[in-house]
C-alpha cells in the first residue's frame, strides 16, 4: 500500500500527533521528571473553545488536564502565512498558555521549523529570543503596526529568488529576531492578543468547582491566587477557609496579605482557623506579624489561641508584645487558668515593659 507522505504530514492526524507531543513535553517541563511516565498514560485533552485569529485563520483551543484531574495548560495549533514577499515560509506550530493566558512555550515539528529571511532556519539563540519576546505582554510590538517597524530607506536582496525586501528599522531591532519581523509580530499578537481574554473567561467558567479552586490556591502562583480571590463566592470563602489560611505561610511577598484580607470575620472566629494562623506567626516578617495581630484583634479570640499567642511573646519585639497583650486584655471574658498562669510568668519577666503590661492585665481580671 502506498502512503502519501506529504499529504499525511499536513493532515489532522499529524497535527494531533504534534499536539499530543507538545502536551507531554510541556507538562514534563513544568512539573518535572517525576511525573513524565504518569503524564503519558493519564493526561487528557478536552476542547475548550474555537478562536478566530483573523478573517482567514481560525484555531481550536484545547485544555490539557494532568493525571490528577486538574486543568493545567491551554494549547492551540496555528498555521498561517506571515509575509507576502515569498522570502519566508508559513508557520505551523503549537502554542501553549497557562490557565490565565500567559504564554508558556511553542513547539514546531522538524518539517515545519521556523525560518527567517531567505528561509534560513532559526538558531537556538533565535528561539530563545523569540521565547523572551512572546513572554513579554508589554512588548513594544503591542503598540505598532508591522509596516511602521520597517526601514523604508533600506533594501535586502534575496540569495534564493530574484526579489528584495526591506529590513527592520534599527529602532525595533531588539524587539524581534533579525530577519523574522513578520513571524515574530504575527506570533506575538496571536499569543498575547484577544485569545488571552478568551482563556481567562474559560478558566473563570469553572471557578465554581471547589477542587479546581483549591488546586489553584495551592499552586503558590501569585496570578492564580489573585484570580481566584477575584472570582470566588462568599460561600466558597467559608468552605475554603483552611485553604486560604495556608496561604499565610506562602513565601511570596503578597500572597499572605491577600489571604488575610480574604478571611471573613465569620471564618476568623473559628478556633481552628485562629490557631492555624498563629502557626505562621513566629516565622512571619515584621509586616506580616503586624497584619496578623491587627486581623486577630478584630474578632473574639479562643482561649487555646490565646495560650499559643502568649507562648510566642518572649521572642517578640516590644511593639508586637504590646499588641499581643492588648488582644489578650480585650478578651478578658475568655481568660482561663492556663492564661492566668502564663500572665503570672510574664509579670516576672526581666523585660520590664512586658512584665508591667502583664501585671496590669492580672489586676483587671482579679
Protein backbone atom coordinates (compact mmCIF):
# COMPACT_ATOMS: atom_id res chain seq x y z
CA UNK A 1 0.00 0.00 0.00
CA UNK A 2 1.35 3.42 -0.94
CA UNK A 3 1.22 6.24 1.59
CA UNK A 4 1.02 9.84 0.51
CA UNK A 5 3.67 11.08 2.95
CA UNK A 6 3.41 14.83 2.18
CA UNK A 7 -0.37 14.60 2.49
CA UNK A 8 -0.14 12.79 5.82
CA UNK A 9 2.31 15.32 7.22
CA UNK A 10 -0.23 18.08 6.57
CA UNK A 11 -3.19 16.05 7.83
CA UNK A 12 -5.17 16.30 11.07
CA UNK A 13 -3.55 13.06 12.22
CA UNK A 14 -0.10 14.58 12.00
CA UNK A 15 -1.30 17.80 13.63
CA UNK A 16 -2.86 15.89 16.51
CA UNK A 17 0.36 13.97 16.94
CA UNK A 18 2.26 17.23 17.24
CA UNK A 19 -0.32 18.49 19.74
CA UNK A 20 -0.04 15.42 21.97
CA UNK A 21 3.76 15.57 21.76
CA UNK A 22 3.90 19.15 22.96
CA UNK A 23 1.47 18.38 25.79
CA UNK A 24 3.76 15.64 27.07
CA UNK A 25 6.79 17.87 26.71
CA UNK A 26 5.20 20.86 28.43
CA UNK A 27 3.84 19.01 31.43
CA UNK A 28 7.17 17.22 31.80
CA UNK A 29 8.89 20.62 31.65
CA UNK A 30 6.52 22.34 34.08
CA UNK A 31 6.05 19.54 36.57
CA UNK A 32 9.46 17.91 36.49
CA UNK A 33 10.74 14.47 35.54
CA UNK A 34 8.95 12.86 38.45
CA UNK A 35 5.75 12.81 36.53
CA UNK A 36 6.86 12.00 32.99
CA UNK A 37 5.52 8.42 32.99
CA UNK A 38 2.16 9.26 34.55
CA UNK A 39 1.60 12.12 32.12
CA UNK A 40 1.99 9.90 29.11
CA UNK A 41 -0.63 7.44 30.31
CA UNK A 42 -3.06 9.60 32.29
CA UNK A 43 -3.36 13.15 30.95
CA UNK A 44 -6.38 14.09 28.87
CA UNK A 45 -7.16 16.79 26.33
CA UNK A 46 -10.60 18.37 26.01
CA UNK A 47 -11.81 21.03 23.55
CA UNK A 48 -12.05 24.44 25.22
CA UNK A 49 -13.22 26.90 22.56
CA UNK A 50 -12.89 27.92 18.93
CA UNK A 51 -10.98 31.14 18.21
CA UNK A 52 -10.97 33.30 15.09
CA UNK A 53 -7.48 34.74 14.64
CA UNK A 54 -8.45 36.85 11.61
CA UNK A 55 -10.73 36.65 8.57
CA UNK A 56 -8.84 33.69 7.12
CA UNK A 57 -7.36 31.85 10.13
CA UNK A 58 -9.15 30.01 12.93
CA UNK A 59 -7.84 27.68 15.63
CA UNK A 60 -9.24 25.18 18.10
CA UNK A 61 -8.03 25.76 21.64
CA UNK A 62 -7.73 22.68 23.87
CA UNK A 63 -7.38 22.37 27.63
CA UNK A 64 -4.93 19.83 28.99
CA UNK A 65 -5.62 18.07 32.30
CA UNK A 66 -2.94 16.49 34.46
CA UNK A 67 -3.29 12.92 35.65
CA UNK A 68 -4.72 14.18 38.97
CA UNK A 69 -7.70 15.60 37.12
CA UNK A 70 -6.85 19.31 37.30
CA UNK A 71 -6.58 21.63 34.26
CA UNK A 72 -3.05 22.89 33.64
CA UNK A 73 -2.39 24.12 30.08
CA UNK A 74 -4.23 25.53 27.08
CA UNK A 75 -2.83 24.70 23.63
CA UNK A 76 -3.63 25.68 20.05
CA UNK A 77 -2.10 24.75 16.72
CA UNK A 78 -1.54 27.72 14.41
CA UNK A 79 -0.91 27.54 10.66
CA UNK A 80 -0.70 30.79 8.75
CA UNK A 81 1.35 32.79 6.32
CA UNK A 82 3.42 35.59 7.83
CA UNK A 83 4.62 37.67 4.89
CA UNK A 84 3.70 38.44 1.31
CA UNK A 85 7.08 38.64 -0.46
CA UNK A 86 7.80 34.91 -0.67
CA UNK A 87 11.01 35.23 1.36
CA UNK A 88 9.75 33.44 4.47
CA UNK A 89 7.84 30.20 4.97
CA UNK A 90 4.40 29.95 6.56
CA UNK A 91 4.39 28.96 10.21
CA UNK A 92 2.97 25.74 11.62
CA UNK A 93 3.38 25.37 15.37
CA UNK A 94 1.66 24.62 18.67
CA UNK A 95 1.47 27.35 21.31
CA UNK A 96 0.67 26.82 24.98
CA UNK A 97 -0.59 29.13 27.74
CA UNK A 98 -1.19 28.78 31.45
CA UNK A 99 -4.71 28.95 32.91
CA UNK A 100 -4.75 32.76 32.71
CA UNK A 101 -3.45 33.10 29.18
CA UNK A 102 0.22 33.70 29.98
CA UNK A 103 2.43 32.33 27.21
CA UNK A 104 4.39 29.24 28.24
CA UNK A 105 6.07 27.82 25.15
CA UNK A 106 5.78 26.98 21.47
CA UNK A 107 6.70 23.83 19.62
CA UNK A 108 7.37 23.12 15.96
CA UNK A 109 7.80 19.80 14.18
CA UNK A 110 11.08 19.31 12.31
CA UNK A 111 9.40 19.65 8.92
CA UNK A 112 7.84 22.97 9.94
CA UNK A 113 10.77 24.71 11.57
CA UNK A 114 10.69 28.49 11.92
CA UNK A 115 12.71 30.37 9.34
CA UNK A 116 14.00 33.87 8.77
CA UNK A 117 14.70 35.89 5.65
CA UNK A 118 15.73 33.66 2.72
CA UNK A 119 14.38 30.54 4.50
CA UNK A 120 17.27 30.42 6.96
CA UNK A 121 16.23 28.32 9.97
CA UNK A 122 16.11 29.82 13.44
CA UNK A 123 19.18 29.17 15.56
CA UNK A 124 18.97 28.18 19.22
CA UNK A 125 19.65 31.79 20.14
CA UNK A 126 16.84 32.94 17.83
CA UNK A 127 14.43 30.60 19.59
CA UNK A 128 15.50 31.93 22.99
CA UNK A 129 14.99 35.49 21.78
CA UNK A 130 11.55 34.66 20.40
CA UNK A 131 10.55 32.99 23.67
CA UNK A 132 11.61 36.09 25.61
CA UNK A 133 9.60 38.34 23.30
CA UNK A 134 6.46 36.19 23.43
CA UNK A 135 6.70 36.08 27.23
CA UNK A 136 6.63 39.87 27.43
CA UNK A 137 2.99 41.00 27.40
CA UNK A 138 4.13 44.64 27.27
CA UNK A 139 6.49 44.23 24.30
CA UNK A 140 6.80 47.24 22.01
CA UNK A 141 5.19 45.15 19.26
CA UNK A 142 1.89 45.82 21.02
CA UNK A 143 1.80 49.48 20.04
CA UNK A 144 2.85 49.47 16.37
CA UNK A 145 1.65 48.19 13.03
CA UNK A 146 4.17 45.89 11.44
CA UNK A 147 4.70 48.28 8.50
CA UNK A 148 5.70 51.02 10.95
CA UNK A 149 8.64 48.87 12.02
CA UNK A 150 10.19 48.62 8.57
CA UNK A 151 13.20 50.68 7.45
CA UNK A 152 11.78 52.26 4.30
CA UNK A 153 15.21 53.58 3.25
CA UNK A 154 16.97 50.21 3.10
CA UNK A 155 16.79 47.03 0.99
CA UNK A 156 17.81 43.41 1.40
CA UNK A 157 18.30 41.25 -1.72
CA UNK A 158 17.38 37.59 -1.52
CA UNK A 159 20.01 34.98 -2.37
CA UNK A 160 17.27 32.45 -3.10
CA UNK A 161 14.99 34.25 -5.54
CA UNK A 162 15.06 37.40 -7.65
CA UNK A 163 13.48 39.68 -5.06
CA UNK A 164 14.22 42.31 -2.49
CA UNK A 165 12.65 43.21 0.83
CA UNK A 166 13.05 45.94 3.42
CA UNK A 167 14.90 45.39 6.71
CA UNK A 168 13.60 46.05 10.20
CA UNK A 169 14.17 49.57 11.49
CA UNK A 170 17.04 49.75 13.98
CA UNK A 171 14.59 51.30 16.45
CA UNK A 172 12.83 47.94 16.73
CA UNK A 173 15.76 45.56 16.27
CA UNK A 174 15.78 44.46 19.92
CA UNK A 175 12.05 43.69 19.79
CA UNK A 176 12.31 41.00 17.14
CA UNK A 177 14.50 38.23 15.75
CA UNK A 178 16.75 39.53 12.99
CA UNK A 179 15.28 38.64 9.60
CA UNK A 180 11.98 37.40 11.07
CA UNK A 181 9.96 40.50 11.92
CA UNK A 182 6.73 39.28 10.31
CA UNK A 183 6.96 35.91 12.05
CA UNK A 184 7.67 37.45 15.45
CA UNK A 185 4.98 40.10 15.02
CA UNK A 186 2.36 37.54 13.98
CA UNK A 187 3.18 35.17 16.82
CA UNK A 188 3.27 37.89 19.49
CA UNK A 189 -0.16 39.20 18.51
CA UNK A 190 -1.55 35.67 18.40
CA UNK A 191 -0.19 34.61 21.78
CA UNK A 192 -0.80 37.92 23.57
CA UNK A 193 -3.88 39.23 21.79
CA UNK A 194 -7.60 38.60 22.28
CA UNK A 195 -7.05 34.89 22.85
CA UNK A 196 -5.78 35.63 26.36
CA UNK A 197 -9.13 37.13 27.39
CA UNK A 198 -10.91 34.07 25.97
CA UNK A 199 -8.65 31.79 28.00
CA UNK A 200 -9.33 33.74 31.20
CA UNK A 201 -13.06 33.66 30.54
CA UNK A 202 -12.95 29.91 30.02
CA UNK A 203 -10.98 29.39 33.23
CA UNK A 204 -13.46 31.59 35.08
CA UNK A 205 -16.25 29.25 33.93
CA UNK A 206 -15.03 26.50 36.25
CA UNK A 207 -14.37 28.68 39.30
CA UNK A 208 -17.48 27.13 40.87
CA UNK A 209 -15.58 23.85 41.16
CA UNK A 210 -14.04 23.87 44.64
CA UNK A 211 -11.49 21.21 43.70
CA UNK A 212 -10.11 23.37 40.87
CA UNK A 213 -10.08 26.46 43.08
CA UNK A 214 -8.23 24.60 45.86
CA UNK A 215 -5.64 23.40 43.35
CA UNK A 216 -5.07 26.93 42.02
CA UNK A 217 -4.71 28.28 45.57
CA UNK A 218 -2.19 25.56 46.39
CA UNK A 219 -0.09 26.42 43.32
CA UNK A 220 1.57 29.37 45.14
CA UNK A 221 1.24 31.18 41.82
CA UNK A 222 0.54 34.84 42.62
CA UNK A 223 -1.51 35.37 39.47
CA UNK A 224 -3.63 32.26 40.09
CA UNK A 225 -4.26 33.22 43.72
CA UNK A 226 -5.25 36.76 42.76
CA UNK A 227 -7.59 35.43 40.06
CA UNK A 228 -9.27 33.04 42.48
CA UNK A 229 -9.77 35.74 45.12
CA UNK A 230 -11.35 37.95 42.48
CA UNK A 231 -13.89 35.36 41.43
CA UNK A 232 -14.78 33.00 44.31
CA UNK A 233 -18.15 33.36 46.00
CA UNK A 234 -18.98 34.19 49.61
CA UNK A 235 -19.92 30.55 50.19
CA UNK A 236 -16.53 29.42 48.87
CA UNK A 237 -14.80 31.80 51.28
CA UNK A 238 -16.36 29.85 54.12
CA UNK A 239 -15.86 26.38 52.65
CA UNK A 240 -12.24 27.04 51.72
CA UNK A 241 -11.21 28.90 54.87
CA UNK A 242 -8.48 26.39 55.76
CA UNK A 243 -7.05 26.53 52.25
CA UNK A 244 -6.93 30.33 52.39
CA UNK A 245 -5.23 30.25 55.80
CA UNK A 246 -2.48 28.02 54.41
CA UNK A 247 -1.53 30.84 52.05
CA UNK A 248 -0.44 32.95 55.02
CA UNK A 249 2.58 30.65 55.11
CA UNK A 250 3.50 31.41 51.49
CA UNK A 251 6.99 32.71 50.81
CA UNK A 252 5.55 35.16 48.28
CA UNK A 253 5.65 38.81 49.31
CA UNK A 254 1.98 39.50 48.60
CA UNK A 255 0.00 36.25 48.90
CA UNK A 256 -0.04 36.11 52.75
CA UNK A 257 -1.50 39.61 52.97
CA UNK A 258 -4.09 38.85 50.28
CA UNK A 259 -5.09 35.72 52.18
CA UNK A 260 -5.55 37.62 55.44
CA UNK A 261 -7.73 40.17 53.68
CA UNK A 262 -9.90 37.37 52.30
CA UNK A 263 -10.64 35.80 55.69
CA UNK A 264 -14.10 36.96 56.72
CA UNK A 265 -14.85 37.51 60.41
CA UNK A 266 -17.22 34.53 60.33
CA UNK A 267 -14.28 32.31 59.32
CA UNK A 268 -11.70 34.00 61.53
CA UNK A 269 -13.99 33.49 64.53
CA UNK A 270 -13.40 29.72 64.34
CA UNK A 271 -10.80 28.47 66.89
CA UNK A 272 -9.10 26.09 64.45
CA UNK A 273 -8.64 28.93 61.94
CA UNK A 274 -7.14 31.22 64.59
CA UNK A 275 -4.71 28.51 65.65
CA UNK A 276 -3.73 27.75 62.07
CA UNK A 277 -2.88 31.41 61.62
CA UNK A 278 -0.69 31.55 64.71
CA UNK A 279 1.37 28.62 63.44
CA UNK A 280 2.79 31.04 60.87
CA UNK A 281 3.27 33.91 63.33
CA UNK A 282 6.80 33.16 64.67
CA UNK A 283 8.40 32.93 61.19
CA UNK A 284 6.47 35.85 59.69
CA UNK A 285 8.31 39.02 58.70
CA UNK A 286 7.55 42.23 60.56
CA UNK A 287 4.89 43.44 58.13
CA UNK A 288 3.06 40.14 58.29
CA UNK A 289 3.34 39.95 62.10
CA UNK A 290 1.65 43.34 62.29
CA UNK A 291 -1.05 42.30 59.85
CA UNK A 292 -1.73 39.06 61.71
CA UNK A 293 -2.08 40.79 65.06
CA UNK A 294 -4.31 43.51 63.60
CA UNK A 295 -6.55 40.92 61.96
CA UNK A 296 -6.82 38.76 65.10
CA UNK A 297 -7.65 41.82 67.16
CA UNK A 298 -10.87 42.26 65.18
CA UNK A 299 -12.58 39.07 66.42
CA UNK A 300 -13.08 37.33 69.79
CA UNK A 301 -10.11 35.06 70.48
CA UNK A 302 -10.46 31.50 71.68
CA UNK A 303 -8.68 30.55 74.94
CA UNK A 304 -6.46 27.95 73.22
CA UNK A 305 -5.42 30.57 70.69
CA UNK A 306 -4.55 33.00 73.49
CA UNK A 307 -2.31 30.34 75.03
CA UNK A 308 -0.49 29.98 71.70
CA UNK A 309 -0.11 33.73 71.38
CA UNK A 310 1.27 34.16 74.91
CA UNK A 311 3.75 31.35 74.30
CA UNK A 312 5.30 33.34 71.45
CA UNK A 313 5.81 36.59 73.39
CA UNK A 314 9.30 36.02 74.88
CA UNK A 315 10.82 36.15 71.39
CA UNK A 316 8.97 39.21 70.17
CA UNK A 317 9.98 42.84 69.92
CA UNK A 318 8.27 45.22 72.37
CA UNK A 319 5.93 46.61 69.71
CA UNK A 320 4.45 43.18 69.00
CA UNK A 321 4.33 42.25 72.69
CA UNK A 322 2.21 45.32 73.38
CA UNK A 323 -0.15 44.48 70.53
CA UNK A 324 -0.46 40.85 71.61
CA UNK A 325 -1.17 41.69 75.25
CA UNK A 326 -3.76 44.25 74.17
CA UNK A 327 -5.52 41.41 72.35
CA UNK A 328 -5.40 39.26 75.49
CA UNK A 329 -6.83 42.10 77.57
CA UNK A 330 -9.67 42.68 75.12
CA UNK A 331 -10.64 39.02 75.53
CA UNK A 332 -10.95 39.07 79.34
CA UNK A 333 -14.19 37.02 79.43
CA UNK A 334 -12.36 34.03 77.92
CA UNK A 335 -9.22 34.13 80.07
CA UNK A 336 -8.91 30.82 81.94
CA UNK A 337 -6.47 29.42 84.49
CA UNK A 338 -3.89 28.44 81.88
CA UNK A 339 -3.78 32.01 80.59
CA UNK A 340 -3.53 33.40 84.14
CA UNK A 341 -0.52 31.18 84.79
CA UNK A 342 1.22 32.42 81.64
CA UNK A 343 0.46 36.02 82.57
CA UNK A 344 1.91 35.40 86.04
CA UNK A 345 5.12 34.13 84.46
CA UNK A 346 5.29 37.12 82.12
CA UNK A 347 4.68 39.51 85.03
CA UNK A 348 8.02 38.38 86.49
CA UNK A 349 9.88 38.79 83.20
CA UNK A 350 13.14 40.76 83.03
CA UNK A 351 11.51 42.65 80.17
CA UNK A 352 10.08 45.48 82.26
CA UNK A 353 7.54 46.69 79.70
CA UNK A 354 6.15 43.19 79.17
CA UNK A 355 6.10 42.47 82.93
CA UNK A 356 4.25 45.71 83.63
CA UNK A 357 1.59 45.09 81.00
CA UNK A 358 1.07 41.51 82.17
CA UNK A 359 0.62 42.70 85.78
CA UNK A 360 -1.91 45.30 84.65
CA UNK A 361 -3.98 42.63 82.90
CA UNK A 362 -3.88 40.42 86.00
CA UNK A 363 -5.07 43.32 88.16
CA UNK A 364 -8.02 43.90 85.81
CA UNK A 365 -9.17 40.28 85.82
CA UNK A 366 -8.69 39.57 89.54
